Amino acid sequence: MTQVKMLEAKTDLSKLVKMLETKQEEIIYLARNGKPIARMTLIPKKSISKRIGIPEFSFLLRRKGYFHSNNQEAAAKSISHTGYGENI
């Protein structure tokens, strides 16, 4: 934990951010008149969740005619649900 004065934070902002990025510090407190009033931390990275269902590119393949089905009626219904409409 590091505590810095406002003037120091203004002049050395890049240095303070670098300290957070390199994990030298987890939290940096900004102080006014010797009392902490704000804190700086890194923004946590969001985890990417796995997509459930049929990938979007399979619909694009159907639209471009790369995917053929023996049952043309079923293929047309599944394509129409992608938002591309009946006129493919």
Protein backbone atom coordinates (compact mmCIF):
# COMPACT_ATOMS: atom_id res chain seq x y z
CA MET A 1 0.00 0.00 0.00
CA THR A 2 1.36 3.35 -1.09
CA GLN A 3 -0.05 6.73 -0.15
CA VAL A 4 0.82 9.79 -2.23
CA LYS A 5 -0.09 13.46 -2.02
CA MET A 6 -2.27 14.99 -4.73
CA LEU A 7 0.55 17.09 -6.20
CA GLU A 8 2.80 14.03 -6.40
CA ALA A 9 0.00 12.03 -8.03
CA LYS A 10 -0.49 14.75 -10.66
CA THR A 11 3.19 14.96 -11.54
CA ASP A 12 3.95 11.22 -11.36
CA LEU A 13 0.70 9.72 -12.67
CA SER A 14 2.42 7.62 -15.34
CA LYS A 15 4.86 6.24 -12.77
CA LEU A 16 2.00 5.33 -10.40
CA VAL A 17 0.07 3.56 -13.16
CA LYS A 18 3.21 1.65 -14.13
CA MET A 19 3.59 0.53 -10.50
CA LEU A 20 0.06 -0.90 -10.64
CA GLU A 21 0.62 -2.57 -14.02
CA THR A 22 3.87 -4.22 -12.92
CA LYS A 23 2.23 -5.42 -9.68
CA GLN A 24 4.64 -3.44 -7.49
CA GLU A 25 1.53 -2.11 -5.75
CA GLU A 26 -2.05 -3.40 -5.65
CA ILE A 27 -3.61 -0.18 -4.36
CA ILE A 28 -2.33 3.38 -4.36
CA TYR A 29 -4.10 5.85 -2.05
CA LEU A 30 -4.33 9.52 -2.94
CA ALA A 31 -4.22 11.83 0.07
CA ARG A 32 -5.24 15.39 0.73
CA ASN A 33 -3.90 17.00 3.91
CA GLY A 34 -2.48 13.63 4.95
CA LYS A 35 -5.87 11.82 4.77
CA PRO A 36 -6.58 9.24 2.05
CA ILE A 37 -9.53 10.35 -0.09
CA ALA A 38 -9.24 8.14 -3.19
CA ARG A 39 -7.59 4.95 -4.30
CA MET A 40 -6.15 3.74 -7.59
CA THR A 41 -6.37 0.10 -8.64
CA LEU A 42 -6.24 -1.84 -11.88
CA ILE A 43 -9.54 -2.65 -13.55
CA PRO A 44 -10.07 -6.43 -13.34
CA LYS A 45 -10.15 -8.28 -16.64
CA LYS A 46 -13.48 -9.80 -17.58
CA SER A 47 -13.50 -13.48 -18.30
CA ILE A 48 -14.83 -14.49 -21.69
CA SER A 49 -17.67 -16.94 -21.36
CA LYS A 50 -18.14 -19.74 -23.83
CA ARG A 51 -20.92 -19.25 -26.33
CA ILE A 52 -23.72 -21.77 -26.07
CA GLY A 53 -25.50 -22.93 -29.20
CA ILE A 54 -24.66 -23.01 -32.87
CA PRO A 55 -21.86 -20.66 -33.87
CA GLU A 56 -22.83 -17.73 -36.07
CA PHE A 57 -20.47 -18.74 -38.87
CA SER A 58 -22.50 -21.91 -39.55
CA PHE A 59 -25.46 -19.69 -40.44
CA LEU A 60 -23.25 -17.66 -42.75
CA LEU A 61 -22.07 -20.86 -44.44
CA ARG A 62 -25.69 -21.87 -45.01
CA ARG A 63 -26.50 -18.45 -46.41
CA LYS A 64 -23.65 -18.61 -48.91
CA GLY A 65 -24.69 -22.09 -50.03
CA TYR A 66 -21.79 -24.06 -48.56
CA PHE A 67 -24.11 -26.16 -46.41
CA HIS A 68 -26.68 -28.37 -48.14
CA SER A 69 -29.41 -30.38 -46.55
CA ASN A 70 -31.35 -33.29 -48.02
CA ASN A 71 -34.47 -31.76 -46.52
CA GLN A 72 -34.73 -28.38 -48.26
CA GLU A 73 -37.79 -27.36 -46.23
CA ALA A 74 -35.98 -27.92 -42.91
CA ALA A 75 -32.92 -26.10 -44.21
CA ALA A 76 -35.04 -23.11 -45.28
CA LYS A 77 -36.73 -22.95 -41.87
CA SER A 78 -33.43 -23.05 -40.01
CA ILE A 79 -31.97 -20.33 -42.22
CA SER A 80 -35.03 -18.11 -41.84
CA HIS A 81 -34.49 -18.07 -38.07
CA THR A 82 -31.10 -16.37 -38.50
CA GLY A 83 -32.72 -13.11 -39.48
CA TYR A 84 -31.69 -13.36 -43.12
CA GLY A 85 -35.26 -14.05 -44.27
CA GLU A 86 -36.60 -16.49 -46.83
CA ASN A 87 -34.99 -14.98 -49.91
CA ILE A 88 -31.52 -16.42 -49.63
